[in-house]
């Protein structure tokens, strides 16, 4: 069974993050306290399983975005 790999997002992941946000949140921008954030431009982590992106963790000073783990048990690994 392949290992789950957690790695920082990079510039090449921006399109994937934008699509992920559209699918899971309905928009590729987030508004908090009257400030618009574009998650694809913020630092974060991606979970890889068998070469596939299966999870996303994004954080800024005021926002923590969801993790889509697709049942791979990623939450403990991505939050510790």
N, C-alpha and C. Protein backbone atom coordinates (compact mmCIF):
# COMPACT_ATOMS: atom_id res chain seq x y z
N UNK A 1 0.85 -1.18 0.00
CA UNK A 1 0.00 0.00 0.00
C UNK A 1 0.89 1.24 0.00
N UNK A 2 0.66 2.19 -0.89
CA UNK A 2 1.49 3.41 -0.95
C UNK A 2 1.30 4.27 0.29
N UNK A 3 2.33 5.02 0.63
CA UNK A 3 2.27 5.96 1.74
C UNK A 3 1.58 7.24 1.31
N UNK A 4 1.03 7.93 2.27
CA UNK A 4 0.47 9.26 2.05
C UNK A 4 1.62 10.24 2.24
N UNK A 5 1.79 11.12 1.28
CA UNK A 5 2.87 12.10 1.33
C UNK A 5 2.26 13.48 1.46
N UNK A 6 2.71 14.23 2.48
CA UNK A 6 2.26 15.60 2.70
C UNK A 6 3.39 16.51 2.26
N UNK A 7 3.09 17.44 1.36
CA UNK A 7 4.14 18.34 0.88
C UNK A 7 3.58 19.74 0.69
N UNK A 8 4.45 20.76 0.79
CA UNK A 8 3.99 22.13 0.56
C UNK A 8 3.49 22.31 -0.87
N UNK A 9 2.49 23.15 -1.02
CA UNK A 9 2.03 23.50 -2.35
C UNK A 9 3.08 24.35 -3.06
N UNK A 10 3.08 24.29 -4.37
CA UNK A 10 3.98 25.13 -5.14
C UNK A 10 3.19 25.82 -6.25
N UNK A 11 3.86 26.64 -7.01
CA UNK A 11 3.20 27.42 -8.07
C UNK A 11 2.45 26.52 -9.05
N UNK A 12 3.00 25.35 -9.34
CA UNK A 12 2.37 24.45 -10.30
C UNK A 12 1.03 23.91 -9.79
N UNK A 13 0.75 24.02 -8.48
CA UNK A 13 -0.50 23.52 -7.91
C UNK A 13 -1.63 24.54 -7.94
N UNK A 14 -1.37 25.76 -8.37
CA UNK A 14 -2.38 26.82 -8.30
C UNK A 14 -3.68 26.47 -9.02
N UNK A 15 -3.59 25.95 -10.22
CA UNK A 15 -4.80 25.61 -10.96
C UNK A 15 -5.60 24.53 -10.24
N UNK A 16 -4.90 23.53 -9.70
CA UNK A 16 -5.57 22.46 -8.95
C UNK A 16 -6.27 23.02 -7.72
N UNK A 17 -5.61 23.91 -6.98
CA UNK A 17 -6.22 24.52 -5.79
C UNK A 17 -7.46 25.32 -6.18
N UNK A 18 -7.37 26.09 -7.24
CA UNK A 18 -8.51 26.88 -7.70
C UNK A 18 -9.70 25.97 -8.03
N UNK A 19 -9.45 24.90 -8.75
CA UNK A 19 -10.52 23.95 -9.09
C UNK A 19 -11.06 23.26 -7.84
N UNK A 20 -10.18 22.87 -6.93
CA UNK A 20 -10.60 22.26 -5.67
C UNK A 20 -11.56 23.18 -4.92
N UNK A 21 -11.22 24.47 -4.83
CA UNK A 21 -12.06 25.42 -4.13
C UNK A 21 -13.41 25.58 -4.83
N UNK A 22 -13.41 25.62 -6.15
CA UNK A 22 -14.67 25.71 -6.89
C UNK A 22 -15.56 24.51 -6.62
N UNK A 23 -14.99 23.34 -6.62
CA UNK A 23 -15.77 22.11 -6.42
C UNK A 23 -16.30 22.01 -4.98
N UNK A 24 -15.45 22.30 -4.00
CA UNK A 24 -15.82 22.07 -2.61
C UNK A 24 -16.44 23.26 -1.91
N UNK A 25 -16.19 24.48 -2.39
CA UNK A 25 -16.70 25.67 -1.74
C UNK A 25 -17.58 26.53 -2.64
N UNK A 26 -17.59 26.23 -3.94
CA UNK A 26 -18.43 26.97 -4.86
C UNK A 26 -17.81 28.25 -5.39
N UNK A 27 -16.58 28.55 -4.99
CA UNK A 27 -15.88 29.74 -5.46
C UNK A 27 -14.39 29.55 -5.27
N UNK A 28 -13.60 30.22 -6.10
CA UNK A 28 -12.16 30.14 -5.91
C UNK A 28 -11.63 31.39 -5.21
N UNK A 29 -12.53 32.10 -4.53
CA UNK A 29 -12.10 33.21 -3.66
C UNK A 29 -12.89 33.12 -2.36
N UNK A 30 -12.29 33.67 -1.33
CA UNK A 30 -12.89 33.65 0.01
C UNK A 30 -12.87 35.08 0.54
N UNK A 31 -13.97 35.50 1.15
CA UNK A 31 -14.04 36.83 1.75
C UNK A 31 -14.15 36.67 3.26
N UNK A 32 -13.26 37.34 3.97
CA UNK A 32 -13.27 37.32 5.42
C UNK A 32 -12.95 38.72 5.92
N UNK A 33 -13.83 39.25 6.73
CA UNK A 33 -13.64 40.59 7.30
C UNK A 33 -13.41 41.63 6.21
N UNK A 34 -14.20 41.52 5.16
CA UNK A 34 -14.18 42.45 4.03
C UNK A 34 -12.90 42.39 3.19
N UNK A 35 -12.14 41.34 3.35
CA UNK A 35 -10.92 41.15 2.57
C UNK A 35 -11.12 39.93 1.69
N UNK A 36 -10.78 40.06 0.40
CA UNK A 36 -10.89 38.94 -0.55
C UNK A 36 -9.56 38.21 -0.59
N UNK A 37 -9.62 36.89 -0.40
CA UNK A 37 -8.44 36.03 -0.47
C UNK A 37 -8.61 35.08 -1.65
N UNK A 38 -7.52 34.77 -2.29
CA UNK A 38 -7.49 33.79 -3.36
C UNK A 38 -6.65 32.61 -2.86
N UNK A 39 -7.30 31.54 -2.42
CA UNK A 39 -6.58 30.43 -1.80
C UNK A 39 -5.45 29.87 -2.66
N UNK A 40 -5.58 29.93 -3.96
CA UNK A 40 -4.53 29.42 -4.83
C UNK A 40 -3.24 30.23 -4.71
N UNK A 41 -3.32 31.42 -4.11
CA UNK A 41 -2.14 32.26 -3.94
C UNK A 41 -1.56 32.20 -2.52
N UNK A 42 -2.19 31.41 -1.63
CA UNK A 42 -1.75 31.33 -0.25
C UNK A 42 -0.96 30.04 0.00
N UNK A 43 -0.10 30.04 1.02
CA UNK A 43 0.65 28.82 1.32
C UNK A 43 -0.26 27.73 1.86
N UNK A 44 0.16 26.51 1.72
CA UNK A 44 -0.62 25.38 2.22
C UNK A 44 0.07 24.08 1.91
N UNK A 45 -0.66 23.00 2.08
CA UNK A 45 -0.12 21.66 1.89
C UNK A 45 -1.07 20.82 1.05
N UNK A 46 -0.50 19.89 0.32
CA UNK A 46 -1.27 18.93 -0.46
C UNK A 46 -0.90 17.53 0.02
N UNK A 47 -1.90 16.68 0.10
CA UNK A 47 -1.68 15.28 0.44
C UNK A 47 -1.70 14.47 -0.86
N UNK A 48 -0.68 13.67 -1.04
CA UNK A 48 -0.56 12.83 -2.24
C UNK A 48 -0.70 11.37 -1.82
N UNK A 49 -1.47 10.61 -2.60
CA UNK A 49 -1.62 9.18 -2.37
C UNK A 49 -1.52 8.47 -3.71
N UNK A 50 -0.53 7.65 -3.82
CA UNK A 50 -0.32 6.89 -5.06
C UNK A 50 -0.26 7.81 -6.28
N UNK A 51 0.42 8.97 -6.12
CA UNK A 51 0.60 9.91 -7.22
C UNK A 51 -0.57 10.83 -7.48
N UNK A 52 -1.64 10.73 -6.69
CA UNK A 52 -2.84 11.55 -6.89
C UNK A 52 -2.99 12.55 -5.75
N UNK A 53 -3.36 13.78 -6.05
CA UNK A 53 -3.65 14.78 -5.03
C UNK A 53 -4.99 14.44 -4.40
N UNK A 54 -4.98 14.14 -3.10
CA UNK A 54 -6.20 13.69 -2.44
C UNK A 54 -6.63 14.59 -1.29
N UNK A 55 -5.84 15.57 -0.91
CA UNK A 55 -6.21 16.42 0.21
C UNK A 55 -5.57 17.79 0.11
N UNK A 56 -6.20 18.76 0.75
CA UNK A 56 -5.72 20.14 0.72
C UNK A 56 -5.89 20.75 2.10
N UNK A 57 -4.85 21.38 2.58
CA UNK A 57 -4.91 22.14 3.82
C UNK A 57 -4.35 23.52 3.52
N UNK A 58 -5.16 24.55 3.78
CA UNK A 58 -4.76 25.93 3.50
C UNK A 58 -4.93 26.74 4.77
N UNK A 59 -4.01 27.64 5.02
CA UNK A 59 -4.14 28.48 6.20
C UNK A 59 -3.59 29.86 5.94
N UNK A 60 -4.28 30.85 6.45
CA UNK A 60 -3.77 32.22 6.47
C UNK A 60 -3.97 32.73 7.89
N UNK A 61 -3.72 33.99 8.12
CA UNK A 61 -3.88 34.53 9.47
C UNK A 61 -5.30 34.41 9.98
N UNK A 62 -6.28 34.46 9.09
CA UNK A 62 -7.68 34.47 9.54
C UNK A 62 -8.49 33.30 9.03
N UNK A 63 -7.92 32.48 8.16
CA UNK A 63 -8.72 31.43 7.53
C UNK A 63 -8.03 30.07 7.63
N UNK A 64 -8.81 29.05 7.86
CA UNK A 64 -8.34 27.68 7.76
C UNK A 64 -9.30 26.95 6.85
N UNK A 65 -8.81 26.45 5.73
CA UNK A 65 -9.67 25.82 4.74
C UNK A 65 -9.80 24.34 5.01
N UNK A 66 -10.78 23.76 4.39
CA UNK A 66 -11.08 22.36 4.64
C UNK A 66 -10.06 21.43 4.03
N UNK A 67 -10.14 20.23 4.51
CA UNK A 67 -9.33 19.13 3.99
C UNK A 67 -10.28 18.14 3.35
N UNK A 68 -9.99 17.77 2.14
CA UNK A 68 -10.76 16.73 1.47
C UNK A 68 -9.87 15.50 1.43
N UNK A 69 -10.14 14.55 2.30
CA UNK A 69 -9.24 13.42 2.46
C UNK A 69 -9.68 12.18 1.68
N UNK A 70 -10.84 12.20 1.07
CA UNK A 70 -11.34 11.07 0.29
C UNK A 70 -11.21 9.74 1.03
N UNK A 71 -11.36 9.78 2.36
CA UNK A 71 -11.35 8.55 3.14
C UNK A 71 -9.97 7.92 3.34
N UNK A 72 -8.90 8.68 3.14
CA UNK A 72 -7.56 8.12 3.29
C UNK A 72 -6.99 8.28 4.69
N UNK A 73 -7.76 8.83 5.62
CA UNK A 73 -7.26 9.01 6.99
C UNK A 73 -6.17 10.06 7.09
N UNK A 74 -6.30 11.16 6.37
CA UNK A 74 -5.24 12.16 6.31
C UNK A 74 -5.27 13.17 7.43
N UNK A 75 -6.41 13.39 8.04
CA UNK A 75 -6.53 14.49 8.99
C UNK A 75 -5.46 14.47 10.07
N UNK A 76 -5.20 13.36 10.76
CA UNK A 76 -4.15 13.40 11.78
C UNK A 76 -2.78 13.77 11.22
N UNK A 77 -2.44 13.33 10.05
CA UNK A 77 -1.14 13.63 9.47
C UNK A 77 -1.02 15.08 9.05
N UNK A 78 -2.10 15.70 8.64
CA UNK A 78 -2.02 17.06 8.12
C UNK A 78 -2.21 18.12 9.20
N UNK A 79 -2.60 17.72 10.41
CA UNK A 79 -2.85 18.71 11.45
C UNK A 79 -1.88 18.60 12.61
N UNK A 80 -0.98 17.66 12.59
CA UNK A 80 -0.04 17.51 13.71
C UNK A 80 1.25 18.22 13.42
